[in-house]
Each structure stands twice: as structure tokens, then as C-alpha cells.
């Protein structure tokens, strides 16, 4: 079967305070891929940048000038809300990362089933698959965590 065309991909760079004491300016790349029936949002930690607000602001300005991002979001006062290195959001939920960090998972919801009914192949080509929990009878959505993210620099 022919691959589904991606309608639009948005790539944003977020720079903000993270860490236990909100002492480090950290870089996260956010990638939003819109398919015909659903969107997939990926967030990747790319590293600590600096403890200096001046250096963080300078870096943000350089990245804005580079024009390689749809948006560069710099927030000196509000800590970034993401914990961990990778986050996937799709079908209206944020997926959990398995303990072995190989797959993301979440319970199938109405938004997922609507996308599945409209175009099952597109959902599969985006890397999602289903498995029924034999004990509870509930369906789980899975997505591999490997190879999701491109290098940004």
C-alpha cells in the first residue's frame, strides 16, 4: 500500500527553565505531524543549554534568525512543563513510556477509534498498533519509541 501523504509538519524549539531547582535553561524540540484524520505531537529533550539567562536569550535569538524552526519559544519565567526525554501526544492523550523505554502506550479512546475507522492504514503507517488486554478486555495503543526524533543540530 502507498504511504499516506503528511499534510503538514511543524517543528518548534522550546527553551526554558527545567530541573529540580529550575536552574538550567533546557532545549526541547516539538514536532507536530498532521495526518488526514489525526495529529501526532512528539517532544524531545535535546540537552541543557546554560544556567545564564543572557546566554539562553542569545541562543534563542540566533535560532529565530536561522529560520529553521516554525517557532522558537523562549520563556525565562515559566518552567517547561515536560518531564523526561520523550513525549508523544496523539488522539487527545499523552502516551506513557514503558519501564524499559521501548514503547509508548495508552488506552484506546473514542478519538483513536474514530481515526482508526476513517483510515486504519494511516494510523498504522504512523507507527501505532493495537493489542487487547486479555485480562481486562481493554484495547491498548502502542508506538515504538526508537527512531522518532531527528537530530536538530
N, C-alpha and C. Protein backbone atom coordinates (compact mmCIF):
# COMPACT_ATOMS: atom_id res chain seq x y z
N UNK A 1 0.83 -1.19 0.00
CA UNK A 1 0.00 0.00 0.00
C UNK A 1 0.88 1.25 0.00
N UNK A 2 0.47 2.25 -0.69
CA UNK A 2 1.20 3.51 -0.80
C UNK A 2 1.15 4.28 0.50
N UNK A 3 2.27 4.91 0.87
CA UNK A 3 2.32 5.71 2.10
C UNK A 3 1.38 6.89 2.02
N UNK A 4 0.74 7.21 3.14
CA UNK A 4 -0.14 8.36 3.22
C UNK A 4 0.68 9.63 3.22
N UNK A 5 0.21 10.63 2.54
CA UNK A 5 0.90 11.90 2.50
C UNK A 5 0.68 12.65 3.81
N UNK A 6 1.77 13.18 4.35
CA UNK A 6 1.66 14.00 5.55
C UNK A 6 1.20 15.37 5.11
N UNK A 7 0.15 15.86 5.74
CA UNK A 7 -0.41 17.15 5.36
C UNK A 7 0.50 18.31 5.76
N UNK A 8 1.00 18.28 6.98
CA UNK A 8 1.80 19.38 7.46
C UNK A 8 2.65 18.93 8.63
N UNK A 9 3.90 19.38 8.65
CA UNK A 9 4.76 19.11 9.79
C UNK A 9 5.26 20.44 10.33
N UNK A 10 5.12 20.60 11.64
CA UNK A 10 5.52 21.82 12.31
C UNK A 10 6.64 21.45 13.27
N UNK A 11 7.70 22.25 13.28
CA UNK A 11 8.82 21.98 14.18
C UNK A 11 9.13 23.24 14.98
N UNK A 12 9.01 23.14 16.30
CA UNK A 12 9.25 24.27 17.19
C UNK A 12 10.39 23.95 18.15
N UNK A 13 11.11 25.00 18.54
CA UNK A 13 12.15 24.87 19.55
C UNK A 13 11.68 25.59 20.81
N UNK A 14 11.71 24.89 21.94
CA UNK A 14 11.32 25.48 23.23
C UNK A 14 12.58 25.60 24.09
N UNK A 15 12.76 26.76 24.68
CA UNK A 15 13.87 27.00 25.60
C UNK A 15 13.28 27.54 26.89
N UNK A 16 13.58 26.89 28.00
CA UNK A 16 13.03 27.34 29.26
C UNK A 16 13.73 26.67 30.43
N UNK A 17 13.33 27.06 31.61
CA UNK A 17 13.93 26.53 32.83
C UNK A 17 13.41 25.14 33.14
N UNK A 18 14.31 24.26 33.52
CA UNK A 18 13.94 22.91 33.96
C UNK A 18 14.83 22.51 35.12
N UNK A 19 14.62 21.33 35.61
CA UNK A 19 15.44 20.81 36.71
C UNK A 19 14.77 21.03 38.04
N UNK A 20 15.26 20.32 39.02
CA UNK A 20 14.68 20.36 40.36
C UNK A 20 14.61 21.79 40.91
N UNK A 21 15.65 22.57 40.70
CA UNK A 21 15.70 23.92 41.23
C UNK A 21 15.44 24.99 40.17
N UNK A 22 14.97 24.55 39.00
CA UNK A 22 14.70 25.47 37.89
C UNK A 22 15.92 26.33 37.60
N UNK A 23 17.08 25.66 37.51
CA UNK A 23 18.35 26.38 37.36
C UNK A 23 18.92 26.30 35.96
N UNK A 24 18.46 25.36 35.14
CA UNK A 24 19.04 25.18 33.80
C UNK A 24 18.07 25.60 32.72
N UNK A 25 18.59 26.28 31.72
CA UNK A 25 17.80 26.53 30.51
C UNK A 25 18.02 25.32 29.63
N UNK A 26 16.92 24.73 29.22
CA UNK A 26 16.93 23.46 28.52
C UNK A 26 16.26 23.61 27.17
N UNK A 27 16.71 22.77 26.20
CA UNK A 27 16.13 22.78 24.85
C UNK A 27 15.27 21.54 24.66
N UNK A 28 14.07 21.77 24.14
CA UNK A 28 13.18 20.70 23.71
C UNK A 28 12.74 21.00 22.29
N UNK A 29 12.70 19.98 21.46
CA UNK A 29 12.17 20.12 20.10
C UNK A 29 10.77 19.52 20.09
N UNK A 30 9.83 20.27 19.56
CA UNK A 30 8.45 19.81 19.43
C UNK A 30 8.16 19.66 17.94
N UNK A 31 7.69 18.49 17.58
CA UNK A 31 7.33 18.22 16.19
C UNK A 31 5.87 17.80 16.14
N UNK A 32 5.10 18.50 15.34
CA UNK A 32 3.68 18.18 15.19
C UNK A 32 3.46 17.74 13.75
N UNK A 33 2.95 16.53 13.59
CA UNK A 33 2.69 15.99 12.27
C UNK A 33 1.18 15.81 12.14
N UNK A 34 0.60 16.48 11.17
CA UNK A 34 -0.84 16.38 10.94
C UNK A 34 -1.12 15.41 9.79
N UNK A 35 -1.85 14.36 10.09
CA UNK A 35 -2.29 13.41 9.09
C UNK A 35 -3.71 13.79 8.70
N UNK A 36 -4.33 13.05 7.85
CA UNK A 36 -5.68 13.44 7.41
C UNK A 36 -6.72 13.29 8.52
N UNK A 37 -6.54 12.31 9.42
CA UNK A 37 -7.56 12.05 10.44
C UNK A 37 -7.10 12.24 11.88
N UNK A 38 -5.84 12.58 12.10
CA UNK A 38 -5.33 12.77 13.46
C UNK A 38 -4.00 13.50 13.40
N UNK A 39 -3.53 13.93 14.56
CA UNK A 39 -2.23 14.58 14.68
C UNK A 39 -1.38 13.82 15.68
N UNK A 40 -0.08 13.88 15.48
CA UNK A 40 0.86 13.24 16.39
C UNK A 40 1.84 14.33 16.83
N UNK A 41 2.01 14.49 18.11
CA UNK A 41 2.90 15.51 18.65
C UNK A 41 4.03 14.81 19.39
N UNK A 42 5.26 15.09 18.99
CA UNK A 42 6.44 14.49 19.60
C UNK A 42 7.24 15.59 20.27
N UNK A 43 7.74 15.31 21.45
CA UNK A 43 8.57 16.28 22.16
C UNK A 43 9.84 15.56 22.59
N UNK A 44 11.00 16.15 22.27
CA UNK A 44 12.27 15.52 22.58
C UNK A 44 13.17 16.48 23.32
N UNK A 45 13.70 16.03 24.43
CA UNK A 45 14.73 16.75 25.17
C UNK A 45 16.01 16.68 24.35
N UNK A 46 16.64 17.83 24.08
CA UNK A 46 17.88 17.81 23.31
C UNK A 46 19.09 18.25 24.12
N UNK A 47 18.88 18.67 25.35
CA UNK A 47 20.02 18.96 26.21
C UNK A 47 19.87 20.22 27.03
N UNK A 48 20.70 20.29 28.07
CA UNK A 48 20.78 21.50 28.86
C UNK A 48 21.59 22.52 28.07
N UNK A 49 21.16 23.74 28.10
CA UNK A 49 21.79 24.80 27.32
C UNK A 49 22.78 25.59 28.17
N UNK A 50 22.30 26.16 29.27
CA UNK A 50 23.13 27.04 30.09
C UNK A 50 22.39 27.36 31.39
N UNK A 51 23.10 27.94 32.33
CA UNK A 51 22.43 28.46 33.53
C UNK A 51 22.24 29.97 33.41
N UNK A 52 22.80 30.56 32.38
CA UNK A 52 22.74 32.01 32.19
C UNK A 52 21.53 32.41 31.34
N UNK A 53 20.70 33.30 31.88
CA UNK A 53 19.54 33.76 31.10
C UNK A 53 19.99 34.55 29.87
N UNK A 54 21.11 35.29 29.98
CA UNK A 54 21.62 36.05 28.83
C UNK A 54 22.05 35.12 27.69
N UNK A 55 22.76 34.04 28.04
CA UNK A 55 23.19 33.08 27.01
C UNK A 55 22.00 32.36 26.39
N UNK A 56 21.02 32.04 27.22
CA UNK A 56 19.83 31.37 26.72
C UNK A 56 19.07 32.28 25.75
N UNK A 57 18.93 33.55 26.11
CA UNK A 57 18.25 34.52 25.24
C UNK A 57 19.02 34.70 23.93
N UNK A 58 20.34 34.78 24.01
CA UNK A 58 21.17 34.92 22.81
C UNK A 58 20.99 33.71 21.88
N UNK A 59 21.01 32.52 22.46
CA UNK A 59 20.82 31.31 21.67
C UNK A 59 19.44 31.31 21.02
N UNK A 60 18.41 31.69 21.78
CA UNK A 60 17.05 31.75 21.23
C UNK A 60 17.00 32.72 20.04
N UNK A 61 17.62 33.87 20.17
CA UNK A 61 17.64 34.85 19.08
C UNK A 61 18.37 34.32 17.86
N UNK A 62 19.49 33.61 18.07
CA UNK A 62 20.23 33.00 16.95
C UNK A 62 19.36 31.97 16.23
N UNK A 63 18.64 31.16 17.00
CA UNK A 63 17.80 30.13 16.40
C UNK A 63 16.61 30.74 15.65
N UNK A 64 16.05 31.83 16.18
CA UNK A 64 14.98 32.53 15.46
C UNK A 64 15.50 33.05 14.12
N UNK A 65 16.71 33.60 14.13
CA UNK A 65 17.30 34.16 12.90
C UNK A 65 17.64 33.07 11.88
N UNK A 66 17.86 31.85 12.36
CA UNK A 66 18.24 30.76 11.45
C UNK A 66 17.10 30.33 10.54
N UNK A 67 15.87 30.63 10.90
CA UNK A 67 14.68 30.31 10.11
C UNK A 67 14.47 28.80 9.93
N UNK A 68 15.10 27.97 10.76
CA UNK A 68 14.89 26.52 10.59
C UNK A 68 13.76 25.99 11.46
N UNK A 69 13.13 26.86 12.23
CA UNK A 69 12.03 26.47 13.10
C UNK A 69 10.77 27.22 12.70
N UNK A 70 9.62 26.58 12.90
CA UNK A 70 8.36 27.30 12.72
C UNK A 70 8.22 28.36 13.81
N UNK A 71 8.69 28.01 15.01
CA UNK A 71 8.67 28.97 16.12
C UNK A 71 9.78 28.63 17.09
N UNK A 72 10.34 29.66 17.70
CA UNK A 72 11.27 29.49 18.81
C UNK A 72 10.59 30.11 20.02
N UNK A 73 10.30 29.29 21.00
CA UNK A 73 9.58 29.76 22.18
C UNK A 73 10.57 29.83 23.33
N UNK A 74 10.82 31.03 23.80
CA UNK A 74 11.74 31.26 24.91
C UNK A 74 10.95 31.84 26.06
N UNK A 75 11.01 31.18 27.20
CA UNK A 75 10.28 31.68 28.35
C UNK A 75 11.19 31.66 29.57
N UNK A 76 11.58 32.84 29.97
CA UNK A 76 12.51 32.97 31.08
C UNK A 76 11.84 32.73 32.43
N UNK A 77 10.57 33.02 32.53
CA UNK A 77 9.91 33.00 33.83
C UNK A 77 9.11 31.74 34.13
N UNK A 78 8.69 31.02 33.12
CA UNK A 78 7.84 29.84 33.34
C UNK A 78 8.63 28.58 33.04
N UNK A 79 8.75 27.68 34.02
CA UNK A 79 9.47 26.43 33.76
C UNK A 79 8.76 25.59 32.69
N UNK A 80 9.54 24.88 31.88
CA UNK A 80 8.94 23.96 30.90
C UNK A 80 8.19 22.87 31.67
N UNK A 81 7.07 22.45 31.13
CA UNK A 81 6.21 21.51 31.86
C UNK A 81 6.50 20.05 31.55
N UNK A 82 7.45 19.79 30.68
CA UNK A 82 7.70 18.41 30.28
C UNK A 82 8.74 17.78 31.18
N UNK A 83 8.47 16.55 31.59
CA UNK A 83 9.44 15.79 32.35
C UNK A 83 9.87 14.62 31.49
N UNK A 84 11.13 14.33 31.48
CA UNK A 84 11.62 13.20 30.71
C UNK A 84 12.15 13.64 29.37
N UNK A 85 12.68 12.68 28.64
CA UNK A 85 13.32 12.97 27.37
C UNK A 85 12.37 12.96 26.19
N UNK A 86 11.36 12.10 26.20
CA UNK A 86 10.49 11.97 25.05
C UNK A 86 9.03 11.94 25.49
N UNK A 87 8.21 12.61 24.72
CA UNK A 87 6.77 12.62 24.99
C UNK A 87 6.05 12.49 23.65
N UNK A 88 5.04 11.64 23.59
CA UNK A 88 4.19 11.54 22.40
C UNK A 88 2.76 11.84 22.83
N UNK A 89 2.12 12.70 22.06
CA UNK A 89 0.72 13.02 22.29
C UNK A 89 -0.02 12.79 20.98
N UNK A 90 -1.08 12.02 21.05
CA UNK A 90 -1.91 11.74 19.87
C UNK A 90 -3.28 11.30 20.37
N UNK A 91 -4.28 11.49 19.56
CA UNK A 91 -5.65 11.07 19.87
C UNK A 91 -6.14 11.69 21.19
N UNK A 92 -5.66 12.88 21.49
CA UNK A 92 -6.13 13.60 22.67
C UNK A 92 -5.54 13.15 23.99
N UNK A 93 -4.51 12.31 23.97
CA UNK A 93 -3.89 11.85 25.22
C UNK A 93 -2.37 11.90 25.11
N UNK A 94 -1.71 12.01 26.26
CA UNK A 94 -0.26 11.91 26.31
C UNK A 94 0.07 10.47 26.66
N UNK A 95 0.85 9.82 25.80
CA UNK A 95 1.19 8.42 25.99
C UNK A 95 2.19 8.24 27.11
N UNK A 96 2.11 7.10 27.78
CA UNK A 96 3.06 6.74 28.83
C UNK A 96 4.21 5.97 28.19
N UNK A 97 5.40 6.14 28.74
CA UNK A 97 6.57 5.40 28.26
C UNK A 97 6.73 4.16 29.13
N UNK A 98 6.93 3.01 28.48
CA UNK A 98 7.07 1.75 29.23
C UNK A 98 8.32 1.80 30.10
N UNK A 99 8.38 0.93 31.10
CA UNK A 99 9.52 0.90 32.02
C UNK A 99 10.83 0.63 31.29
N UNK A 100 10.79 -0.20 30.25
CA UNK A 100 12.01 -0.49 29.50
C UNK A 100 12.31 0.57 28.42
N UNK A 101 11.42 1.57 28.32
CA UNK A 101 11.57 2.72 27.42
C UNK A 101 11.57 2.36 25.93
N UNK A 102 11.04 1.18 25.60
CA UNK A 102 10.99 0.76 24.20
C UNK A 102 9.72 1.19 23.48
N UNK A 103 8.63 1.33 24.22
CA UNK A 103 7.35 1.69 23.59
C UNK A 103 6.58 2.68 24.44
N UNK A 104 5.78 3.47 23.75
CA UNK A 104 4.79 4.32 24.39
C UNK A 104 3.47 3.56 24.34
N UNK A 105 2.60 3.81 25.31
CA UNK A 105 1.31 3.11 25.32
C UNK A 105 0.24 3.99 25.96
N UNK A 106 -1.00 3.69 25.60
CA UNK A 106 -2.16 4.35 26.21
C UNK A 106 -3.39 3.52 25.87
N UNK A 107 -4.44 3.69 26.67
CA UNK A 107 -5.70 3.00 26.39
C UNK A 107 -6.37 3.64 25.18
N UNK A 108 -6.95 2.83 24.33
CA UNK A 108 -7.68 3.33 23.16
C UNK A 108 -8.88 4.14 23.63
N UNK A 109 -9.07 5.31 23.04
CA UNK A 109 -10.20 6.17 23.40
C UNK A 109 -11.06 6.43 22.16
N UNK A 110 -12.10 7.20 22.32
CA UNK A 110 -13.03 7.47 21.22
C UNK A 110 -12.34 8.17 20.05
N UNK A 111 -11.47 9.12 20.36
CA UNK A 111 -10.76 9.84 19.29
C UNK A 111 -9.90 8.89 18.47
N UNK A 112 -9.24 7.94 19.15
CA UNK A 112 -8.46 6.93 18.43
C UNK A 112 -9.36 6.08 17.54
N UNK A 113 -10.46 5.58 18.10
CA UNK A 113 -11.33 4.70 17.33
C UNK A 113 -11.90 5.43 16.11
N UNK A 114 -12.19 6.71 16.24
CA UNK A 114 -12.68 7.49 15.08
C UNK A 114 -11.63 7.55 13.98
N UNK A 115 -10.37 7.81 14.35
CA UNK A 115 -9.29 7.84 13.35
C UNK A 115 -9.08 6.46 12.75
N UNK A 116 -9.16 5.42 13.57
CA UNK A 116 -8.97 4.04 13.12
C UNK A 116 -10.05 3.66 12.10
N UNK A 117 -11.29 4.04 12.38
CA UNK A 117 -12.39 3.71 11.46
C UNK A 117 -12.28 4.47 10.14
N UNK A 118 -11.82 5.71 10.20
CA UNK A 118 -11.71 6.52 8.98
C UNK A 118 -10.56 6.07 8.10
N UNK A 119 -9.41 5.69 8.70
CA UNK A 119 -8.27 5.30 7.90
C UNK A 119 -7.27 4.50 8.73
N UNK A 120 -7.56 3.22 8.90
CA UNK A 120 -6.73 2.33 9.70
C UNK A 120 -5.29 2.29 9.19
N UNK A 121 -5.11 2.28 7.88
CA UNK A 121 -3.76 2.19 7.30
C UNK A 121 -2.91 3.40 7.66
N UNK A 122 -3.52 4.57 7.66
CA UNK A 122 -2.79 5.78 8.00
C UNK A 122 -2.30 5.73 9.46
N UNK A 123 -3.14 5.24 10.35
CA UNK A 123 -2.77 5.11 11.76
C UNK A 123 -1.61 4.13 11.89
N UNK A 124 -1.68 3.01 11.18
CA UNK A 124 -0.60 2.02 11.21
C UNK A 124 0.69 2.58 10.63
N UNK A 125 0.60 3.31 9.52
CA UNK A 125 1.79 3.89 8.90
C UNK A 125 2.44 4.94 9.78
N UNK A 126 1.67 5.54 10.67
CA UNK A 126 2.23 6.50 11.63
C UNK A 126 2.93 5.76 12.78
N UNK A 127 2.85 4.43 12.78
CA UNK A 127 3.60 3.62 13.74
C UNK A 127 2.81 3.11 14.93
N UNK A 128 1.50 3.29 14.93
CA UNK A 128 0.68 2.83 16.05
C UNK A 128 0.15 1.43 15.77
N UNK A 129 0.02 0.62 16.82
CA UNK A 129 -0.64 -0.67 16.70
C UNK A 129 -1.45 -0.94 17.96
N UNK A 130 -2.32 -1.92 17.86
CA UNK A 130 -3.27 -2.25 18.93
C UNK A 130 -3.00 -3.63 19.50
N UNK A 131 -3.35 -3.78 20.77
CA UNK A 131 -3.32 -5.09 21.40
C UNK A 131 -4.39 -5.10 22.48
N UNK A 132 -5.11 -6.18 22.54
CA UNK A 132 -6.17 -6.31 23.55
C UNK A 132 -5.60 -6.92 24.82
N UNK A 133 -5.89 -6.30 25.96
CA UNK A 133 -5.51 -6.85 27.25
C UNK A 133 -6.47 -7.99 27.55
N UNK A 134 -5.95 -9.19 27.57
CA UNK A 134 -6.80 -10.38 27.75
C UNK A 134 -7.46 -10.42 29.13
N UNK A 135 -6.82 -9.81 30.12
CA UNK A 135 -7.38 -9.83 31.48
C UNK A 135 -8.56 -8.87 31.63
N UNK A 136 -8.43 -7.67 31.04
CA UNK A 136 -9.47 -6.65 31.23
C UNK A 136 -10.39 -6.48 30.03
N UNK A 137 -9.95 -6.97 28.87
CA UNK A 137 -10.73 -6.80 27.65
C UNK A 137 -10.56 -5.42 27.01
N UNK A 138 -9.71 -4.56 27.60
CA UNK A 138 -9.50 -3.22 27.06
C UNK A 138 -8.43 -3.25 25.97
N UNK A 139 -8.58 -2.34 25.01
CA UNK A 139 -7.61 -2.22 23.93
C UNK A 139 -6.56 -1.19 24.30
N UNK A 140 -5.30 -1.50 23.99
CA UNK A 140 -4.18 -0.60 24.23
C UNK A 140 -3.56 -0.20 22.90
N UNK A 141 -3.14 1.05 22.80
CA UNK A 141 -2.44 1.57 21.62
C UNK A 141 -0.95 1.60 21.98
N UNK A 142 -0.11 1.16 21.05
CA UNK A 142 1.33 1.17 21.26
C UNK A 142 2.02 1.94 20.13
N UNK A 143 3.20 2.47 20.45
CA UNK A 143 4.04 3.17 19.46
C UNK A 143 5.47 2.99 19.90
N UNK A 144 6.34 2.48 19.01
CA UNK A 144 7.76 2.32 19.35
C UNK A 144 8.38 3.67 19.67
N UNK A 145 9.33 3.67 20.59
CA UNK A 145 9.98 4.92 20.97
C UNK A 145 11.26 5.16 20.19
N UNK A 146 11.78 4.17 19.51
CA UNK A 146 13.04 4.31 18.78
C UNK A 146 12.85 5.06 17.47
N UNK A 147 13.86 5.82 17.10
CA UNK A 147 13.90 6.44 15.78
C UNK A 147 12.86 7.51 15.52
N UNK A 148 12.23 8.02 16.54
CA UNK A 148 11.18 9.03 16.36
C UNK A 148 11.75 10.40 16.03
N UNK A 149 12.94 10.65 16.52
CA UNK A 149 13.40 12.03 16.55
C UNK A 149 14.61 12.24 15.68
N UNK A 150 14.62 13.35 15.00
CA UNK A 150 15.75 13.73 14.17
C UNK A 150 16.71 14.54 15.01
N UNK A 151 17.97 14.49 14.63
CA UNK A 151 18.93 15.38 15.28
C UNK A 151 18.59 16.80 14.87
N UNK A 152 18.79 17.72 15.77
CA UNK A 152 18.38 19.09 15.49
C UNK A 152 19.56 20.02 15.22
N UNK A 153 20.75 19.60 15.55
CA UNK A 153 21.91 20.47 15.33
C UNK A 153 23.10 19.65 14.94
